[in-house]
Amino acid sequence: MREQIIHKSTELFLNLGFKSVTMDDIASEMGISKKTIYVHFSNKTKLVEAVTFNLFDKICGGIDNICEKAPNPIEELYSIKMFVMHHLKNEKASPQYQLKKYYPQIHAALKFKQFEKMHQSVQESLEHGVDTGVFRDTIDVDFISRMYFTGMTGIKDNMFFPPEHYQMDYLMESYLEYHLRAIVTEKGMTILNNFIKNQS
């Protein structure tokens, strides 16, 4: 039952936002009593926390899977982008923004976990790219992995990129290309250009 509650709540929160979905809404959608939810989650904050970290763990598992199978670090980053976009495809209520506004402690904990995960996986990807001659061997791997995270976080900021002017898919695609063009070798540039050409 706990898993079912998390599953349905994730769907509702991503579609309607953390703020607007009540415990009554979730109970009604599931055809259960509110008491049943409170058996597993003492309050809405605990439920929001469980949903947030469950989604994070799922996305991390998917990213690890992609990293194992990708033919090169360039296609790896694009596959991760597609995977994340697919996972958040029903995002209509800017959950990151709402989480930050109404549940700042959960948002801060999530951001730290995201940074740890992305920093580690981007570092490994960059090192692999340098070893295989796709990325320049003069790049500062630690600095670039931190910059990548900063940029990926920045494009989700509604103040800088209002959703009425920018689609998230466009922002991620553009940032990814911007990031890669700055670090690729000639060999990497050929892979990148061919990949972009085949995608369009």
N, C-alpha and C. Protein backbone atom coordinates (compact mmCIF):
# COMPACT_ATOMS: atom_id res chain seq x y z
N MET A 1 0.83 -1.21 0.00
CA MET A 1 0.00 0.00 0.00
C MET A 1 0.87 1.27 0.00
N ARG A 2 1.94 1.22 0.78
CA ARG A 2 2.86 2.37 0.83
C ARG A 2 3.37 2.73 -0.59
N GLU A 3 3.77 1.67 -1.33
CA GLU A 3 4.27 1.89 -2.70
C GLU A 3 3.19 2.46 -3.60
N GLN A 4 1.96 1.96 -3.45
CA GLN A 4 0.84 2.45 -4.26
C GLN A 4 0.57 3.93 -3.98
N ILE A 5 0.64 4.30 -2.71
CA ILE A 5 0.42 5.71 -2.33
C ILE A 5 1.50 6.59 -2.96
N ILE A 6 2.75 6.15 -2.87
CA ILE A 6 3.87 6.91 -3.45
C ILE A 6 3.68 7.05 -4.97
N HIS A 7 3.29 5.95 -5.61
CA HIS A 7 3.10 5.95 -7.07
C HIS A 7 2.02 6.95 -7.49
N LYS A 8 0.86 6.89 -6.86
CA LYS A 8 -0.25 7.78 -7.22
C LYS A 8 0.10 9.23 -6.87
N SER A 9 0.72 9.44 -5.72
CA SER A 9 1.09 10.80 -5.30
C SER A 9 2.09 11.43 -6.26
N THR A 10 3.04 10.63 -6.73
CA THR A 10 4.04 11.12 -7.70
C THR A 10 3.34 11.65 -8.94
N GLU A 11 2.42 10.86 -9.45
CA GLU A 11 1.64 11.23 -10.64
C GLU A 11 0.92 12.57 -10.42
N LEU A 12 0.23 12.67 -9.29
CA LEU A 12 -0.55 13.89 -8.99
C LEU A 12 0.34 15.10 -8.75
N PHE A 13 1.41 14.90 -8.00
CA PHE A 13 2.32 16.03 -7.71
C PHE A 13 2.97 16.56 -8.99
N LEU A 14 3.40 15.65 -9.88
CA LEU A 14 4.05 16.10 -11.11
C LEU A 14 3.06 16.81 -12.04
N ASN A 15 1.81 16.36 -12.01
CA ASN A 15 0.80 16.96 -12.88
C ASN A 15 0.23 18.26 -12.34
N LEU A 16 -0.01 18.29 -11.02
CA LEU A 16 -0.76 19.42 -10.45
C LEU A 16 0.05 20.27 -9.47
N GLY A 17 1.21 19.77 -9.06
CA GLY A 17 2.05 20.54 -8.14
C GLY A 17 1.92 20.08 -6.71
N PHE A 18 2.98 20.26 -5.95
CA PHE A 18 3.00 19.83 -4.54
C PHE A 18 2.00 20.61 -3.69
N LYS A 19 1.82 21.87 -4.00
CA LYS A 19 0.98 22.74 -3.19
C LYS A 19 -0.51 22.40 -3.35
N SER A 20 -0.94 22.22 -4.61
CA SER A 20 -2.38 22.10 -4.84
C SER A 20 -2.97 20.72 -4.53
N VAL A 21 -2.14 19.68 -4.50
CA VAL A 21 -2.67 18.34 -4.22
C VAL A 21 -2.76 18.13 -2.70
N THR A 22 -3.97 17.79 -2.24
CA THR A 22 -4.18 17.56 -0.80
C THR A 22 -4.20 16.05 -0.51
N MET A 23 -4.13 15.72 0.77
CA MET A 23 -4.24 14.31 1.18
C MET A 23 -5.61 13.77 0.78
N ASP A 24 -6.64 14.63 0.85
CA ASP A 24 -7.99 14.23 0.43
C ASP A 24 -8.01 13.86 -1.05
N ASP A 25 -7.31 14.67 -1.88
CA ASP A 25 -7.24 14.38 -3.33
C ASP A 25 -6.64 13.01 -3.58
N ILE A 26 -5.55 12.72 -2.88
CA ILE A 26 -4.86 11.45 -3.09
C ILE A 26 -5.76 10.28 -2.65
N ALA A 27 -6.40 10.42 -1.47
CA ALA A 27 -7.30 9.38 -0.96
C ALA A 27 -8.44 9.14 -1.94
N SER A 28 -9.02 10.23 -2.44
CA SER A 28 -10.15 10.15 -3.37
C SER A 28 -9.73 9.47 -4.68
N GLU A 29 -8.56 9.86 -5.21
CA GLU A 29 -8.05 9.26 -6.46
C GLU A 29 -7.81 7.76 -6.31
N MET A 30 -7.39 7.37 -5.12
CA MET A 30 -7.06 5.95 -4.89
C MET A 30 -8.25 5.13 -4.40
N GLY A 31 -9.33 5.84 -4.03
CA GLY A 31 -10.50 5.13 -3.49
C GLY A 31 -10.23 4.53 -2.13
N ILE A 32 -9.40 5.23 -1.34
CA ILE A 32 -9.12 4.76 0.03
C ILE A 32 -9.43 5.90 1.01
N SER A 33 -9.39 5.61 2.30
CA SER A 33 -9.64 6.67 3.27
C SER A 33 -8.32 7.41 3.57
N LYS A 34 -8.48 8.65 4.01
CA LYS A 34 -7.31 9.46 4.35
C LYS A 34 -6.52 8.80 5.49
N LYS A 35 -7.25 8.12 6.37
CA LYS A 35 -6.62 7.43 7.50
C LYS A 35 -5.57 6.42 7.02
N THR A 36 -5.88 5.74 5.92
CA THR A 36 -4.96 4.73 5.37
C THR A 36 -3.64 5.39 4.99
N ILE A 37 -3.72 6.60 4.41
CA ILE A 37 -2.49 7.31 4.04
C ILE A 37 -1.70 7.65 5.29
N TYR A 38 -2.42 8.11 6.33
CA TYR A 38 -1.73 8.53 7.56
C TYR A 38 -1.10 7.36 8.32
N VAL A 39 -1.53 6.14 8.03
CA VAL A 39 -0.88 4.96 8.62
C VAL A 39 0.57 4.88 8.13
N HIS A 40 0.77 5.25 6.85
CA HIS A 40 2.10 5.14 6.23
C HIS A 40 2.90 6.45 6.27
N PHE A 41 2.20 7.58 6.28
CA PHE A 41 2.86 8.90 6.29
C PHE A 41 2.16 9.79 7.30
N SER A 42 2.91 10.22 8.32
CA SER A 42 2.28 10.96 9.42
C SER A 42 1.74 12.33 9.00
N ASN A 43 2.30 12.90 7.91
CA ASN A 43 1.79 14.18 7.40
C ASN A 43 2.18 14.34 5.93
N LYS A 44 1.70 15.41 5.33
CA LYS A 44 1.95 15.61 3.90
C LYS A 44 3.44 15.82 3.61
N THR A 45 4.14 16.49 4.51
CA THR A 45 5.57 16.74 4.30
C THR A 45 6.33 15.42 4.17
N LYS A 46 5.97 14.44 5.03
CA LYS A 46 6.63 13.12 4.96
C LYS A 46 6.34 12.43 3.63
N LEU A 47 5.13 12.62 3.12
CA LEU A 47 4.76 12.02 1.84
C LEU A 47 5.52 12.70 0.69
N VAL A 48 5.59 14.02 0.74
CA VAL A 48 6.33 14.77 -0.29
C VAL A 48 7.79 14.32 -0.30
N GLU A 49 8.35 14.15 0.87
CA GLU A 49 9.74 13.71 1.00
C GLU A 49 9.92 12.32 0.39
N ALA A 50 9.02 11.40 0.70
CA ALA A 50 9.11 10.03 0.18
C ALA A 50 8.99 10.02 -1.35
N VAL A 51 8.04 10.80 -1.87
CA VAL A 51 7.84 10.89 -3.33
C VAL A 51 9.10 11.45 -4.00
N THR A 52 9.63 12.53 -3.45
CA THR A 52 10.79 13.21 -4.02
C THR A 52 12.00 12.28 -4.10
N PHE A 53 12.30 11.59 -3.01
CA PHE A 53 13.50 10.74 -3.00
C PHE A 53 13.29 9.43 -3.73
N ASN A 54 12.05 8.97 -3.80
CA ASN A 54 11.74 7.77 -4.59
C ASN A 54 11.96 8.05 -6.08
N LEU A 55 11.48 9.22 -6.53
CA LEU A 55 11.66 9.61 -7.93
C LEU A 55 13.15 9.80 -8.24
N PHE A 56 13.86 10.42 -7.30
CA PHE A 56 15.31 10.63 -7.46
C PHE A 56 16.03 9.29 -7.62
N ASP A 57 15.70 8.30 -6.76
CA ASP A 57 16.35 6.98 -6.82
C ASP A 57 16.05 6.28 -8.14
N LYS A 58 14.82 6.41 -8.62
CA LYS A 58 14.42 5.79 -9.90
C LYS A 58 15.24 6.38 -11.04
N ILE A 59 15.35 7.71 -11.04
CA ILE A 59 16.09 8.39 -12.11
C ILE A 59 17.57 8.01 -12.04
N CYS A 60 18.12 7.94 -10.83
CA CYS A 60 19.53 7.53 -10.67
C CYS A 60 19.77 6.13 -11.22
N GLY A 61 18.85 5.21 -10.93
CA GLY A 61 18.97 3.84 -11.43
C GLY A 61 18.98 3.81 -12.95
N GLY A 62 18.10 4.59 -13.55
CA GLY A 62 18.03 4.68 -15.02
C GLY A 62 19.30 5.27 -15.62
N ILE A 63 19.84 6.29 -14.95
CA ILE A 63 21.06 6.95 -15.43
C ILE A 63 22.25 5.97 -15.37
N ASP A 64 22.35 5.22 -14.27
CA ASP A 64 23.43 4.23 -14.14
C ASP A 64 23.37 3.20 -15.26
N ASN A 65 22.16 2.80 -15.59
CA ASN A 65 21.93 1.82 -16.65
C ASN A 65 22.40 2.37 -18.01
N ILE A 66 22.07 3.64 -18.28
CA ILE A 66 22.48 4.29 -19.53
C ILE A 66 24.01 4.37 -19.61
N CYS A 67 24.64 4.78 -18.51
CA CYS A 67 26.11 4.94 -18.48
C CYS A 67 26.83 3.63 -18.80
N GLU A 68 26.24 2.50 -18.36
CA GLU A 68 26.86 1.19 -18.63
C GLU A 68 26.81 0.82 -20.11
N LYS A 69 25.73 1.28 -20.79
CA LYS A 69 25.48 0.80 -22.16
C LYS A 69 25.85 1.79 -23.27
N ALA A 70 26.07 3.05 -22.94
CA ALA A 70 26.29 4.07 -23.98
C ALA A 70 27.58 3.81 -24.75
N PRO A 71 27.54 3.99 -26.09
CA PRO A 71 28.74 3.74 -26.90
C PRO A 71 29.85 4.78 -26.71
N ASN A 72 29.48 6.00 -26.30
CA ASN A 72 30.48 7.05 -26.03
C ASN A 72 29.86 8.11 -25.11
N PRO A 73 30.70 8.95 -24.47
CA PRO A 73 30.19 9.92 -23.50
C PRO A 73 29.24 10.97 -24.09
N ILE A 74 29.33 11.22 -25.40
CA ILE A 74 28.45 12.22 -26.02
C ILE A 74 27.02 11.67 -26.11
N GLU A 75 26.90 10.46 -26.65
CA GLU A 75 25.57 9.85 -26.75
C GLU A 75 25.01 9.54 -25.36
N GLU A 76 25.91 9.28 -24.42
CA GLU A 76 25.49 9.01 -23.04
C GLU A 76 24.73 10.22 -22.48
N LEU A 77 25.29 11.42 -22.66
CA LEU A 77 24.64 12.63 -22.14
C LEU A 77 23.28 12.88 -22.80
N TYR A 78 23.21 12.64 -24.11
CA TYR A 78 21.93 12.82 -24.82
C TYR A 78 20.90 11.78 -24.37
N SER A 79 21.34 10.56 -24.14
CA SER A 79 20.42 9.51 -23.67
C SER A 79 19.90 9.83 -22.28
N ILE A 80 20.78 10.37 -21.42
CA ILE A 80 20.35 10.76 -20.07
C ILE A 80 19.32 11.88 -20.16
N LYS A 81 19.57 12.83 -21.06
CA LYS A 81 18.62 13.94 -21.24
C LYS A 81 17.24 13.40 -21.65
N MET A 82 17.22 12.48 -22.64
CA MET A 82 15.96 11.90 -23.10
C MET A 82 15.25 11.15 -21.98
N PHE A 83 16.03 10.41 -21.19
CA PHE A 83 15.47 9.63 -20.09
C PHE A 83 14.83 10.54 -19.04
N VAL A 84 15.55 11.60 -18.67
CA VAL A 84 15.02 12.53 -17.65
C VAL A 84 13.78 13.24 -18.18
N MET A 85 13.82 13.67 -19.45
CA MET A 85 12.66 14.35 -20.04
C MET A 85 11.46 13.42 -20.08
N HIS A 86 11.69 12.14 -20.39
CA HIS A 86 10.60 11.17 -20.44
C HIS A 86 10.00 10.99 -19.04
N HIS A 87 10.88 10.94 -18.03
CA HIS A 87 10.43 10.74 -16.66
C HIS A 87 9.60 11.91 -16.16
N LEU A 88 9.96 13.11 -16.61
CA LEU A 88 9.25 14.30 -16.13
C LEU A 88 8.33 14.85 -17.22
N LYS A 89 7.92 13.98 -18.14
CA LYS A 89 7.14 14.44 -19.31
C LYS A 89 5.81 15.08 -18.92
N ASN A 90 5.27 14.67 -17.79
CA ASN A 90 3.97 15.23 -17.39
C ASN A 90 4.09 16.44 -16.46
N GLU A 91 5.32 16.92 -16.33
CA GLU A 91 5.54 18.10 -15.48
C GLU A 91 4.74 19.27 -16.03
N LYS A 92 3.70 19.66 -15.33
CA LYS A 92 2.94 20.82 -15.80
C LYS A 92 2.97 21.93 -14.75
N ALA A 93 3.41 21.56 -13.56
CA ALA A 93 3.28 22.52 -12.45
C ALA A 93 4.61 22.97 -11.88
N SER A 94 5.69 22.80 -12.65
CA SER A 94 7.03 23.16 -12.20
C SER A 94 7.31 22.66 -10.78
N PRO A 95 7.35 21.33 -10.59
CA PRO A 95 7.52 20.79 -9.25
C PRO A 95 8.77 21.27 -8.53
N GLN A 96 9.89 21.48 -9.27
CA GLN A 96 11.12 21.96 -8.61
C GLN A 96 10.88 23.30 -7.93
N TYR A 97 10.20 24.18 -8.67
CA TYR A 97 9.92 25.52 -8.14
C TYR A 97 9.02 25.44 -6.91
N GLN A 98 7.97 24.62 -6.99
CA GLN A 98 7.04 24.48 -5.86
C GLN A 98 7.72 23.83 -4.66
N LEU A 99 8.58 22.85 -4.93
CA LEU A 99 9.30 22.19 -3.85
C LEU A 99 10.17 23.20 -3.11
N LYS A 100 10.86 24.04 -3.89
CA LYS A 100 11.74 25.06 -3.31
C LYS A 100 10.94 26.07 -2.47
N LYS A 101 9.76 26.43 -2.97
CA LYS A 101 8.95 27.46 -2.30
C LYS A 101 8.25 26.94 -1.05
N TYR A 102 7.65 25.75 -1.15
CA TYR A 102 6.81 25.27 -0.05
C TYR A 102 7.48 24.24 0.85
N TYR A 103 8.53 23.57 0.33
CA TYR A 103 9.24 22.57 1.13
C TYR A 103 10.74 22.80 0.99
N PRO A 104 11.22 23.96 1.47
CA PRO A 104 12.64 24.32 1.23
C PRO A 104 13.65 23.32 1.78
N GLN A 105 13.33 22.68 2.91
CA GLN A 105 14.30 21.72 3.49
C GLN A 105 14.44 20.48 2.62
N ILE A 106 13.30 20.00 2.10
CA ILE A 106 13.33 18.83 1.21
C ILE A 106 14.07 19.21 -0.07
N HIS A 107 13.79 20.42 -0.58
CA HIS A 107 14.43 20.88 -1.81
C HIS A 107 15.95 20.96 -1.63
N ALA A 108 16.37 21.49 -0.49
CA ALA A 108 17.82 21.63 -0.23
C ALA A 108 18.48 20.24 -0.14
N ALA A 109 17.81 19.30 0.53
CA ALA A 109 18.36 17.94 0.66
C ALA A 109 18.43 17.26 -0.71
N LEU A 110 17.39 17.46 -1.53
CA LEU A 110 17.36 16.89 -2.88
C LEU A 110 18.47 17.47 -3.74
N LYS A 111 18.63 18.79 -3.66
CA LYS A 111 19.65 19.45 -4.48
C LYS A 111 21.05 18.92 -4.14
N PHE A 112 21.29 18.69 -2.86
CA PHE A 112 22.59 18.16 -2.44
C PHE A 112 22.79 16.75 -3.00
N LYS A 113 21.73 15.91 -2.91
CA LYS A 113 21.82 14.54 -3.44
C LYS A 113 22.01 14.57 -4.96
N GLN A 114 21.30 15.47 -5.64
CA GLN A 114 21.44 15.61 -7.09
C GLN A 114 22.86 16.01 -7.45
N PHE A 115 23.41 16.96 -6.69
CA PHE A 115 24.77 17.41 -6.97
C PHE A 115 25.77 16.27 -6.80
N GLU A 116 25.64 15.53 -5.68
CA GLU A 116 26.56 14.40 -5.43
C GLU A 116 26.51 13.40 -6.57
N LYS A 117 25.29 13.04 -6.97
CA LYS A 117 25.10 12.04 -8.02
C LYS A 117 25.63 12.55 -9.36
N MET A 118 25.23 13.76 -9.74
CA MET A 118 25.61 14.29 -11.05
C MET A 118 27.10 14.58 -11.11
N HIS A 119 27.65 15.11 -10.03
CA HIS A 119 29.08 15.42 -9.98
C HIS A 119 29.89 14.15 -10.23
N GLN A 120 29.50 13.08 -9.56
CA GLN A 120 30.23 11.81 -9.70
C GLN A 120 30.06 11.24 -11.11
N SER A 121 28.81 11.20 -11.61
CA SER A 121 28.60 10.56 -12.92
C SER A 121 29.17 11.40 -14.07
N VAL A 122 29.10 12.74 -13.95
CA VAL A 122 29.67 13.59 -15.01
C VAL A 122 31.20 13.50 -14.98
N GLN A 123 31.77 13.45 -13.78
CA GLN A 123 33.24 13.29 -13.67
C GLN A 123 33.71 12.00 -14.36
N GLU A 124 33.00 10.90 -14.08
CA GLU A 124 33.37 9.62 -14.69
C GLU A 124 33.23 9.69 -16.22
N SER A 125 32.15 10.34 -16.67
CA SER A 125 31.88 10.48 -18.11
C SER A 125 32.97 11.32 -18.78
N LEU A 126 33.38 12.41 -18.12
CA LEU A 126 34.43 13.28 -18.65
C LEU A 126 35.76 12.54 -18.73
N GLU A 127 36.08 11.79 -17.66
CA GLU A 127 37.34 11.03 -17.64
C GLU A 127 37.36 9.99 -18.75
N HIS A 128 36.20 9.34 -18.93
CA HIS A 128 36.08 8.33 -20.00
C HIS A 128 36.25 9.00 -21.38
N GLY A 129 35.68 10.21 -21.52
CA GLY A 129 35.80 10.96 -22.77
C GLY A 129 37.23 11.37 -23.06
N VAL A 130 37.96 11.75 -22.03
CA VAL A 130 39.39 12.11 -22.19
C VAL A 130 40.18 10.86 -22.58
N ASP A 131 39.94 9.75 -21.88
CA ASP A 131 40.66 8.50 -22.15
C ASP A 131 40.44 7.98 -23.57
N THR A 132 39.25 8.23 -24.11
CA THR A 132 38.94 7.70 -25.45
C THR A 132 39.14 8.75 -26.55
N GLY A 133 39.70 9.92 -26.17
CA GLY A 133 40.04 10.94 -27.17
C GLY A 133 38.85 11.74 -27.70
N VAL A 134 37.72 11.67 -26.99
CA VAL A 134 36.52 12.40 -27.41
C VAL A 134 36.52 13.82 -26.81
N PHE A 135 37.06 13.93 -25.59
CA PHE A 135 37.20 15.24 -24.92
C PHE A 135 38.68 15.60 -24.80
N ARG A 136 38.96 16.90 -24.79
CA ARG A 136 40.34 17.39 -24.71
C ARG A 136 41.00 16.94 -23.40
N ASP A 137 42.27 16.58 -23.47
CA ASP A 137 42.95 16.11 -22.26
C ASP A 137 43.42 17.25 -21.36
N THR A 138 43.14 18.50 -21.77
CA THR A 138 43.55 19.65 -20.96
C THR A 138 42.41 20.16 -20.08
N ILE A 139 41.22 19.54 -20.17
CA ILE A 139 40.07 20.07 -19.40
C ILE A 139 40.24 19.78 -17.91
N ASP A 140 39.70 20.68 -17.09
CA ASP A 140 39.69 20.49 -15.64
C ASP A 140 38.38 19.76 -15.30
N VAL A 141 38.50 18.45 -15.11
CA VAL A 141 37.32 17.58 -14.94
C VAL A 141 36.44 18.01 -13.77
N ASP A 142 37.05 18.32 -12.63
CA ASP A 142 36.27 18.70 -11.45
C ASP A 142 35.51 20.00 -11.70
N PHE A 143 36.19 20.99 -12.26
CA PHE A 143 35.57 22.29 -12.54
C PHE A 143 34.40 22.14 -13.52
N ILE A 144 34.62 21.39 -14.61
CA ILE A 144 33.59 21.26 -15.65
C ILE A 144 32.38 20.48 -15.14
N SER A 145 32.60 19.47 -14.32
CA SER A 145 31.45 18.72 -13.79
C SER A 145 30.62 19.60 -12.86
N ARG A 146 31.28 20.51 -12.13
CA ARG A 146 30.54 21.45 -11.27
C ARG A 146 29.80 22.49 -12.11
N MET A 147 30.45 22.97 -13.17
CA MET A 147 29.81 23.93 -14.07
C MET A 147 28.60 23.32 -14.77
N TYR A 148 28.73 22.05 -15.13
CA TYR A 148 27.63 21.35 -15.81
C TYR A 148 26.40 21.30 -14.90
N PHE A 149 26.63 20.95 -13.63
CA PHE A 149 25.53 20.89 -12.67
C PHE A 149 24.90 22.27 -12.48
N THR A 150 25.76 23.30 -12.35
CA THR A 150 25.27 24.68 -12.17
C THR A 150 24.38 25.11 -13.34
N GLY A 151 24.83 24.77 -14.55
CA GLY A 151 24.07 25.12 -15.74
C GLY A 151 22.75 24.39 -15.83
N MET A 152 22.79 23.08 -15.55
CA MET A 152 21.57 22.27 -15.59
C MET A 152 20.55 22.74 -14.55
N THR A 153 21.05 23.19 -13.40
CA THR A 153 20.16 23.72 -12.36
C THR A 153 19.64 25.09 -12.80
N GLY A 154 20.52 25.90 -13.39
CA GLY A 154 20.17 27.26 -13.81
C GLY A 154 19.07 27.32 -14.86
N ILE A 155 19.08 26.37 -15.81
CA ILE A 155 18.06 26.43 -16.88
C ILE A 155 16.66 26.09 -16.35
N LYS A 156 16.61 25.53 -15.13
CA LYS A 156 15.29 25.21 -14.54
C LYS A 156 14.74 26.38 -13.72
N ASP A 157 15.50 27.46 -13.66
CA ASP A 157 15.07 28.63 -12.87
C ASP A 157 14.09 29.47 -13.70
N ASN A 158 12.85 29.53 -13.23
CA ASN A 158 11.79 30.25 -13.98
C ASN A 158 12.06 31.75 -14.12
N MET A 159 12.86 32.28 -13.21
CA MET A 159 13.15 33.72 -13.28
C MET A 159 14.03 34.01 -14.50
N PHE A 160 15.00 33.14 -14.75
CA PHE A 160 15.91 33.34 -15.88
C PHE A 160 15.31 32.85 -17.19
N PHE A 161 14.58 31.74 -17.12
CA PHE A 161 14.00 31.13 -18.32
C PHE A 161 12.50 30.91 -18.12
N PRO A 162 11.70 31.96 -18.29
CA PRO A 162 10.25 31.83 -18.06
C PRO A 162 9.66 30.73 -18.95
N PRO A 163 8.87 29.82 -18.35
CA PRO A 163 8.32 28.68 -19.12
C PRO A 163 7.45 29.09 -20.31
N GLU A 164 6.88 30.30 -20.24
CA GLU A 164 6.06 30.75 -21.38
C GLU A 164 6.91 31.11 -22.60
N HIS A 165 8.22 31.30 -22.39
CA HIS A 165 9.12 31.63 -23.51
C HIS A 165 10.04 30.46 -23.90
N TYR A 166 10.28 29.55 -22.94
CA TYR A 166 11.26 28.48 -23.18
C TYR A 166 10.69 27.11 -22.83
N GLN A 167 10.75 26.18 -23.78
CA GLN A 167 10.40 24.79 -23.51
C GLN A 167 11.60 24.12 -22.85
N MET A 168 11.34 23.26 -21.85
CA MET A 168 12.43 22.60 -21.14
C MET A 168 13.28 21.73 -22.09
N ASP A 169 12.63 21.09 -23.05
CA ASP A 169 13.35 20.26 -24.00
C ASP A 169 14.37 21.09 -24.80
N TYR A 170 13.93 22.28 -25.23
CA TYR A 170 14.82 23.18 -25.98
C TYR A 170 16.00 23.62 -25.11
N LEU A 171 15.72 23.97 -23.86
CA LEU A 171 16.77 24.44 -22.95
C LEU A 171 17.81 23.35 -22.71
N MET A 172 17.34 22.13 -22.45
CA MET A 172 18.28 21.03 -22.18
C MET A 172 19.12 20.69 -23.41
N GLU A 173 18.47 20.67 -24.57
CA GLU A 173 19.15 20.38 -25.83
C GLU A 173 20.23 21.43 -26.11
N SER A 174 19.86 22.70 -25.96
CA SER A 174 20.78 23.80 -26.26
C SER A 174 21.95 23.82 -25.28
N TYR A 175 21.65 23.58 -24.00
CA TYR A 175 22.71 23.61 -22.99
C TYR A 175 23.69 22.46 -23.19
N LEU A 176 23.15 21.30 -23.54
CA LEU A 176 23.97 20.13 -23.78
C LEU A 176 24.96 20.37 -24.93
N GLU A 177 24.45 20.94 -26.01
CA GLU A 177 25.30 21.21 -27.17
C GLU A 177 26.36 22.26 -26.81
N TYR A 178 25.95 23.29 -26.10
CA TYR A 178 26.85 24.36 -25.64
C TYR A 178 27.98 23.76 -24.79
N HIS A 179 27.61 22.88 -23.86
CA HIS A 179 28.56 22.23 -22.96
C HIS A 179 29.56 21.36 -23.75
N LEU A 180 29.03 20.55 -24.65
CA LEU A 180 29.89 19.60 -25.38
C LEU A 180 30.82 20.30 -26.36
N ARG A 181 30.33 21.30 -27.06
CA ARG A 181 31.18 22.00 -28.04
C ARG A 181 32.39 22.66 -27.37
N ALA A 182 32.27 22.96 -26.09
CA ALA A 182 33.38 23.61 -25.37
C ALA A 182 34.50 22.64 -25.01
N ILE A 183 34.22 21.33 -25.02
CA ILE A 183 35.22 20.38 -24.49
C ILE A 183 35.64 19.28 -25.46
N VAL A 184 34.95 19.17 -26.61
CA VAL A 184 35.27 18.05 -27.52
C VAL A 184 36.58 18.27 -28.29
N THR A 185 37.17 17.15 -28.68
CA THR A 185 38.31 17.16 -29.61
C THR A 185 37.72 17.13 -31.03
N GLU A 186 38.59 17.06 -32.01
CA GLU A 186 38.12 16.95 -33.40
C GLU A 186 37.31 15.66 -33.58
N LYS A 187 37.82 14.59 -32.98
CA LYS A 187 37.12 13.29 -33.04
C LYS A 187 35.72 13.42 -32.40
N GLY A 188 35.69 14.08 -31.25
CA GLY A 188 34.42 14.29 -30.54
C GLY A 188 33.46 15.17 -31.33
N MET A 189 33.99 16.17 -31.99
CA MET A 189 33.16 17.09 -32.80
C MET A 189 32.48 16.33 -33.94
N THR A 190 33.20 15.41 -34.55
CA THR A 190 32.63 14.59 -35.64
C THR A 190 31.47 13.75 -35.10
N ILE A 191 31.69 13.11 -33.94
CA ILE A 191 30.63 12.29 -33.32
C ILE A 191 29.42 13.17 -32.99
N LEU A 192 29.69 14.34 -32.40
CA LEU A 192 28.60 15.25 -31.99
C LEU A 192 27.81 15.72 -33.20
N ASN A 193 28.49 16.19 -34.24
CA ASN A 193 27.80 16.70 -35.44
C ASN A 193 26.98 15.60 -36.11
N ASN A 194 27.55 14.41 -36.21
CA ASN A 194 26.81 13.29 -36.82
C ASN A 194 25.58 12.93 -35.99
N PHE A 195 25.76 12.95 -34.68
CA PHE A 195 24.66 12.61 -33.78
C PHE A 195 23.52 13.63 -33.92
N ILE A 196 23.87 14.92 -33.91
CA ILE A 196 22.85 15.98 -34.04
C ILE A 196 22.14 15.88 -35.40
N LYS A 197 22.93 15.60 -36.43
CA LYS A 197 22.36 15.49 -37.78
C LYS A 197 21.36 14.34 -37.87
N ASN A 198 21.73 13.22 -37.24
CA ASN A 198 20.85 12.04 -37.27
C ASN A 198 19.59 12.23 -36.42
N GLN A 199 19.68 13.11 -35.43
CA GLN A 199 18.52 13.37 -34.55
C GLN A 199 17.48 14.27 -35.23
N SER A 200 17.98 15.16 -36.12
CA SER A 200 17.06 16.15 -36.69
C SER A 200 16.28 15.61 -37.88
